[in-house]
PDB file of N, CA and C in Angstrom:
ATOM      1  N   MET A   1      20.374  17.776 -19.167  1.00  0.00           N
ATOM      2  CA  MET A   1      19.371  16.506 -19.188  1.00  0.00           C
ATOM      3  C   MET A   1      19.516  15.471 -18.231  1.00  0.00           C
ATOM      4  N   ILE A   2      20.851  15.106 -17.916  1.00  0.00           N
ATOM      5  CA  ILE A   2      21.101  14.265 -17.275  1.00  0.00           C
ATOM      6  C   ILE A   2      20.199  15.280 -15.718  1.00  0.00           C
ATOM      7  N   LEU A   3      20.375  16.151 -15.543  1.00  0.00           N
ATOM      8  CA  LEU A   3      19.893  16.532 -14.442  1.00  0.00           C
ATOM      9  C   LEU A   3      18.008  16.632 -14.442  1.00  0.00           C
ATOM     10  N   GLN A   4      18.160  16.454 -15.221  1.00  0.00           N
ATOM     11  CA  GLN A   4      16.443  16.865 -15.581  1.00  0.00           C
ATOM     12  C   GLN A   4      15.934  15.561 -14.671  1.00  0.00           C
ATOM     13  N   LYS A   5      16.698  14.312 -15.685  1.00  0.00           N
ATOM     14  CA  LYS A   5      16.797  12.815 -15.543  1.00  0.00           C
ATOM     15  C   LYS A   5      16.556  12.812 -14.635  1.00  0.00           C
ATOM     16  N   LEU A   6      17.771  13.089 -13.211  1.00  0.00           N
ATOM     17  CA  LEU A   6      18.153  12.871 -12.031  1.00  0.00           C
ATOM     18  C   LEU A   6      17.174  13.049 -11.461  1.00  0.00           C
ATOM     19  N   LYS A   7      16.363  14.290 -11.656  1.00  0.00           N
ATOM     20  CA  LYS A   7      15.090  14.595 -10.676  1.00  0.00           C
ATOM     21  C   LYS A   7      13.874  14.559 -11.043  1.00  0.00           C
ATOM     22  N   GLN A   8      13.455  13.517 -11.706  1.00  0.00           N
ATOM     23  CA  GLN A   8      12.285  12.704 -12.071  1.00  0.00           C
ATOM     24  C   GLN A   8      12.593  11.655 -11.001  1.00  0.00           C
ATOM     25  N   VAL A   9      13.671  10.891 -11.112  1.00  0.00           N
ATOM     26  CA  VAL A   9      14.236   9.583 -10.863  1.00  0.00           C
ATOM     27  C   VAL A   9      13.561   9.774  -9.015  1.00  0.00           C
ATOM     28  N   GLN A  10      14.095  11.126  -8.679  1.00  0.00           N
ATOM     29  CA  GLN A  10      14.090  11.013  -7.649  1.00  0.00           C
ATOM     30  C   GLN A  10      12.381  11.338  -7.059  1.00  0.00           C
ATOM     31  N   VAL A  11      11.564  12.107  -7.701  1.00  0.00           N
ATOM     32  CA  VAL A  11      10.815  12.708  -7.037  1.00  0.00           C
ATOM     33  C   VAL A  11       9.434  10.969  -7.575  1.00  0.00           C
ATOM     34  N   ARG A  12       9.971  10.228  -8.768  1.00  0.00           N
ATOM     35  CA  ARG A  12       8.983   9.402  -8.381  1.00  0.00           C
ATOM     36  C   ARG A  12       9.301   7.960  -7.515  1.00  0.00           C
ATOM     37  N   ASN A  13      11.486   8.349  -7.139  1.00  0.00           N
ATOM     38  CA  ASN A  13      11.637   7.252  -6.013  1.00  0.00           C
ATOM     39  C   ASN A  13      10.694   7.647  -4.732  1.00  0.00           C
ATOM     40  N   GLU A  14      10.291   9.123  -4.249  1.00  0.00           N
ATOM     41  CA  GLU A  14       9.903   9.932  -3.171  1.00  0.00           C
ATOM     42  C   GLU A  14       8.056   9.088  -2.942  1.00  0.00           C
ATOM     43  N   LYS A  15       7.654   9.370  -4.370  1.00  0.00           N
ATOM     44  CA  LYS A  15       6.197   9.006  -4.485  1.00  0.00           C
ATOM     45  C   LYS A  15       6.741   7.193  -3.849  1.00  0.00           C
ATOM     46  N   ILE A  16       7.087   6.464  -4.712  1.00  0.00           N
ATOM     47  CA  ILE A  16       7.337   4.843  -3.625  1.00  0.00           C
ATOM     48  C   ILE A  16       7.452   4.954  -2.469  1.00  0.00           C
ATOM     49  N   ILE A  17       8.134   5.488  -2.021  1.00  0.00           N
ATOM     50  CA  ILE A  17       8.544   5.862  -0.663  1.00  0.00           C
ATOM     51  C   ILE A  17       7.145   6.165   0.521  1.00  0.00           C
ATOM     52  N   ARG A  18       7.187   7.075   0.218  1.00  0.00           N
ATOM     53  CA  ARG A  18       5.699   7.308   0.619  1.00  0.00           C
ATOM     54  C   ARG A  18       4.442   6.131   0.284  1.00  0.00           C
ATOM     55  N   GLY A  19       4.079   6.184  -0.827  1.00  0.00           N
ATOM     56  CA  GLY A  19       3.363   4.662  -1.135  1.00  0.00           C
ATOM     57  C   GLY A  19       3.379   3.434   0.078  1.00  0.00           C
ATOM     58  N   VAL A  20       4.986   3.097  -0.061  1.00  0.00           N
ATOM     59  CA  VAL A  20       5.365   2.378   1.072  1.00  0.00           C
ATOM     60  C   VAL A  20       4.532   2.480   2.307  1.00  0.00           C
ATOM     61  N   MET A  21       5.476   3.411   2.729  1.00  0.00           N
ATOM     62  CA  MET A  21       5.256   3.843   4.262  1.00  0.00           C
ATOM     63  C   MET A  21       3.617   3.538   4.443  1.00  0.00           C
ATOM     64  N   HIS A  22       3.249   4.540   3.641  1.00  0.00           N
ATOM     65  CA  HIS A  22       1.354   4.568   3.795  1.00  0.00           C
ATOM     66  C   HIS A  22       1.170   3.081   3.985  1.00  0.00           C
ATOM     67  N   SER A  23       1.295   1.952   2.983  1.00  0.00           N
ATOM     68  CA  SER A  23       1.143   0.870   3.348  1.00  0.00           C
ATOM     69  C   SER A  23       0.903   0.189   4.533  1.00  0.00           C
ATOM     70  N   ALA A  24       2.666   0.773   4.921  1.00  0.00           N
ATOM     71  CA  ALA A  24       3.042   0.284   6.317  1.00  0.00           C
ATOM     72  C   ALA A  24       2.453   0.874   7.025  1.00  0.00           C
ATOM     73  N   SER A  25       1.720   1.750   7.415  1.00  0.00           N
ATOM     74  CA  SER A  25       1.125   2.232   8.540  1.00  0.00           C
ATOM     75  C   SER A  25      -0.196   1.326   8.535  1.00  0.00           C
ATOM     76  N   LEU A  26      -0.943   1.229   7.368  1.00  0.00           N
ATOM     77  CA  LEU A  26      -2.089   0.983   7.009  1.00  0.00           C
ATOM     78  C   LEU A  26      -2.017  -0.950   8.035  1.00  0.00           C
ATOM     79  N   ASN A  27      -1.113  -1.274   7.066  1.00  0.00           N
ATOM     80  CA  ASN A  27      -0.695  -3.044   7.592  1.00  0.00           C
ATOM     81  C   ASN A  27      -0.913  -2.900   9.306  1.00  0.00           C
ATOM     82  N   ILE A  28      -0.315  -1.821  10.019  1.00  0.00           N
ATOM     83  CA  ILE A  28       0.490  -1.654  10.907  1.00  0.00           C
ATOM     84  C   ILE A  28      -1.259  -1.760  11.780  1.00  0.00           C
ATOM     85  N   THR A  29      -1.651  -0.686  12.191  1.00  0.00           N
ATOM     86  CA  THR A  29      -2.878  -0.547  11.910  1.00  0.00           C
ATOM     87  C   THR A  29      -4.468  -1.059  12.234  1.00  0.00           C
ATOM     88  N   LYS A  30      -4.386  -2.133  10.452  1.00  0.00           N
ATOM     89  CA  LYS A  30      -4.713  -3.685  10.416  1.00  0.00           C
ATOM     90  C   LYS A  30      -4.685  -4.680  11.631  1.00  0.00           C
ATOM     91  N   ASN A  31      -3.022  -4.784  11.476  1.00  0.00           N
ATOM     92  CA  ASN A  31      -2.945  -5.635  11.945  1.00  0.00           C
ATOM     93  C   ASN A  31      -3.483  -5.665  13.892  1.00  0.00           C
ATOM     94  N   SER A  32      -3.227  -4.706  14.236  1.00  0.00           N
ATOM     95  CA  SER A  32      -3.517  -4.613  15.663  1.00  0.00           C
ATOM     96  C   SER A  32      -4.970  -4.548  15.917  1.00  0.00           C
ATOM     97  N   HIS A  33      -5.597  -3.613  14.958  1.00  0.00           N
ATOM     98  CA  HIS A  33      -7.054  -3.920  14.639  1.00  0.00           C
ATOM     99  C   HIS A  33      -8.053  -5.595  14.838  1.00  0.00           C
ATOM    100  N   ASP A  34      -6.580  -6.448  13.835  1.00  0.00           N
ATOM    101  CA  ASP A  34      -7.162  -7.957  13.439  1.00  0.00           C
ATOM    102  C   ASP A  34      -6.889  -8.312  14.956  1.00  0.00           C
ATOM    103  N   LYS A  35      -6.151  -8.471  16.154  1.00  0.00           N
ATOM    104  CA  LYS A  35      -5.200  -9.000  17.019  1.00  0.00           C
ATOM    105  C   LYS A  35      -6.760  -8.684  17.907  1.00  0.00           C
ATOM    106  N   GLN A  36      -7.446  -7.930  17.851  1.00  0.00           N
ATOM    107  CA  GLN A  36      -8.876  -7.763  18.765  1.00  0.00           C
ATOM    108  C   GLN A  36      -9.819  -8.510  18.545  1.00  0.00           C
ATOM    109  N   SER A  37      -9.993  -8.567  17.450  1.00  0.00           N
ATOM    110  CA  SER A  37     -11.130  -9.751  16.686  1.00  0.00           C
ATOM    111  C   SER A  37     -10.467 -11.056  15.421  1.00  0.00           C
ATOM    112  N   THR A  38      -9.739 -11.410  16.278  1.00  0.00           N
ATOM    113  CA  THR A  38      -9.299 -12.704  15.502  1.00  0.00           C
ATOM    114  C   THR A  38     -10.359 -13.947  15.001  1.00  0.00           C
ATOM    115  N   GLN A  39     -11.403 -13.709  16.339  1.00  0.00           N
ATOM    116  CA  GLN A  39     -13.011 -14.296  16.373  1.00  0.00           C
ATOM    117  C   GLN A  39     -13.521 -14.496  14.828  1.00  0.00           C
ATOM    118  N   GLY A  40     -13.619 -12.658  14.446  1.00  0.00           N
ATOM    119  CA  GLY A  40     -14.084 -12.537  13.187  1.00  0.00           C
ATOM    120  C   GLY A  40     -13.554 -13.082  12.271  1.00  0.00           C
ATOM    121  N   MET A  41     -12.166 -12.953  12.698  1.00  0.00           N
ATOM    122  CA  MET A  41     -10.979 -12.982  11.313  1.00  0.00           C
ATOM    123  C   MET A  41     -11.646 -14.662  10.684  1.00  0.00           C
ATOM    124  N   LYS A  42     -11.912 -15.606  11.585  1.00  0.00           N
ATOM    125  CA  LYS A  42     -11.668 -16.952  11.604  1.00  0.00           C
ATOM    126  C   LYS A  42     -12.838 -17.169  10.578  1.00  0.00           C
ATOM    127  N   ASN A  43     -13.271 -16.717  10.219  1.00  0.00           N
ATOM    128  CA  ASN A  43     -14.850 -16.971   8.926  1.00  0.00           C
ATOM    129  C   ASN A  43     -14.754 -15.796   8.057  1.00  0.00           C
ATOM    130  N   TYR A  44     -13.431 -15.139   8.663  1.00  0.00           N
ATOM    131  CA  TYR A  44     -13.531 -14.307   6.763  1.00  0.00           C
ATOM    132  C   TYR A  44     -13.050 -14.936   5.873  1.00  0.00           C
ATOM    133  N   ILE A  45     -13.646 -14.414   4.671  1.00  0.00           N
ATOM    134  CA  ILE A  45     -13.319 -14.870   3.345  1.00  0.00           C
ATOM    135  C   ILE A  45     -13.211 -13.792   2.100  1.00  0.00           C
ATOM    136  N   PRO A  46     -12.158 -13.873   2.345  1.00  0.00           N
ATOM    137  CA  PRO A  46     -11.034 -11.951   1.208  1.00  0.00           C
ATOM    138  C   PRO A  46     -11.932 -13.170  -0.268  1.00  0.00           C
ATOM    139  N   THR A  47     -12.857 -12.137  -0.805  1.00  0.00           N
ATOM    140  CA  THR A  47     -13.699 -11.604  -2.013  1.00  0.00           C
ATOM    141  C   THR A  47     -12.800 -10.417  -2.959  1.00  0.00           C
ATOM    142  N   ARG A  48     -13.253 -10.510  -3.761  1.00  0.00           N
ATOM    143  CA  ARG A  48     -12.650  -9.165  -4.852  1.00  0.00           C
ATOM    144  C   ARG A  48     -12.953  -8.025  -4.034  1.00  0.00           C
ATOM    145  N   GLN A  49     -14.435  -8.073  -3.878  1.00  0.00           N
ATOM    146  CA  GLN A  49     -14.583  -6.326  -3.079  1.00  0.00           C
ATOM    147  C   GLN A  49     -13.614  -5.966  -1.955  1.00  0.00           C
ATOM    148  N   ASN A  50     -13.504  -7.150  -0.614  1.00  0.00           N
ATOM    149  CA  ASN A  50     -13.096  -6.669   0.841  1.00  0.00           C
ATOM    150  C   ASN A  50     -11.540  -7.453   0.546  1.00  0.00           C
ATOM    151  N   ALA A  51     -10.825  -7.084  -0.742  1.00  0.00           N
ATOM    152  CA  ALA A  51      -9.475  -7.848  -0.365  1.00  0.00           C
ATOM    153  C   ALA A  51      -9.167  -6.237  -0.716  1.00  0.00           C
ATOM    154  N   PRO A  52      -8.165  -5.834   0.867  1.00  0.00           N
ATOM    155  CA  PRO A  52      -7.389  -4.857   0.732  1.00  0.00           C
ATOM    156  C   PRO A  52      -6.551  -4.287  -0.292  1.00  0.00           C
ATOM    157  N   ASN A  53      -5.764  -5.280  -0.713  1.00  0.00           N
ATOM    158  CA  ASN A  53      -4.734  -5.619  -1.446  1.00  0.00           C
ATOM    159  C   ASN A  53      -5.237  -5.121  -3.071  1.00  0.00           C
ATOM    160  N   SER A  54      -5.956  -5.723  -3.446  1.00  0.00           N
ATOM    161  CA  SER A  54      -6.274  -5.348  -4.968  1.00  0.00           C
ATOM    162  C   SER A  54      -6.210  -3.862  -5.010  1.00  0.00           C
ATOM    163  N   SER A  55      -7.175  -3.034  -5.003  1.00  0.00           N
ATOM    164  CA  SER A  55      -6.971  -1.257  -4.826  1.00  0.00           C
ATOM    165  C   SER A  55      -5.558  -0.907  -4.480  1.00  0.00           C
ATOM    166  N   ARG A  56      -4.598  -1.027  -3.209  1.00  0.00           N
ATOM    167  CA  ARG A  56      -3.712  -0.576  -2.658  1.00  0.00           C
ATOM    168  C   ARG A  56      -2.665  -0.513  -3.939  1.00  0.00           C
ATOM    169  N   ALA A  57      -2.589  -2.189  -4.908  1.00  0.00           N
ATOM    170  CA  ALA A  57      -1.807  -2.870  -5.272  1.00  0.00           C
ATOM    171  C   ALA A  57      -1.915  -1.389  -6.952  1.00  0.00           C
ATOM    172  N   ALA A  58      -3.464  -1.252  -7.195  1.00  0.00           N
ATOM    173  CA  ALA A  58      -3.628  -0.703  -8.552  1.00  0.00           C
ATOM    174  C   ALA A  58      -3.113   0.721  -7.833  1.00  0.00           C
ATOM    175  N   PHE A  59      -3.916   1.073  -7.215  1.00  0.00           N
ATOM    176  CA  PHE A  59      -3.123   2.530  -6.618  1.00  0.00           C
ATOM    177  C   PHE A  59      -1.215   2.845  -6.774  1.00  0.00           C
ATOM    178  N   MET A  60      -0.916   1.544  -5.939  1.00  0.00           N
ATOM    179  CA  MET A  60       0.779   1.387  -6.201  1.00  0.00           C
ATOM    180  C   MET A  60       0.946   1.634  -7.869  1.00  0.00           C
ATOM    181  N   GLN A  61       0.094   0.953  -8.828  1.00  0.00           N
ATOM    182  CA  GLN A  61       0.798   0.987  -9.863  1.00  0.00           C
ATOM    183  C   GLN A  61       0.484   2.198 -11.001  1.00  0.00           C
ATOM    184  N   SER A  62      -0.628   3.010 -10.311  1.00  0.00           N
ATOM    185  CA  SER A  62      -0.637   3.838 -10.955  1.00  0.00           C
ATOM    186  C   SER A  62       0.642   5.169 -10.534  1.00  0.00           C
ATOM    187  N   GLU A  63       0.575   5.105  -9.497  1.00  0.00           N
ATOM    188  CA  GLU A  63       1.697   5.983  -8.478  1.00  0.00           C
ATOM    189  C   GLU A  63       2.990   6.217  -9.432  1.00  0.00           C
ATOM    190  N   ASN A  64       3.681   5.282  -9.523  1.00  0.00           N
ATOM    191  CA  ASN A  64       4.614   4.127  -9.904  1.00  0.00           C
ATOM    192  C   ASN A  64       4.881   4.946 -11.929  1.00  0.00           C
ATOM    193  N   THR A  65       3.651   4.907 -12.361  1.00  0.00           N
ATOM    194  CA  THR A  65       4.210   5.242 -13.854  1.00  0.00           C
ATOM    195  C   THR A  65       4.275   6.507 -13.834  1.00  0.00           C
TER     196      THR A  65
END
């Protein structure tokens, strides 16, 4: 019983880590891209459609449960 619970926790932790690593790599590519196009970013107004974190947060939430 305890071993089964530990296994579940381990799998969940691996999913969380994978999600965090994925987010980090997305942020790195996004940041390097932003440096090249800062002129366009000055006029950037985040809305619900183009907010990158809203869907990612929802995805992470679904992964964690």
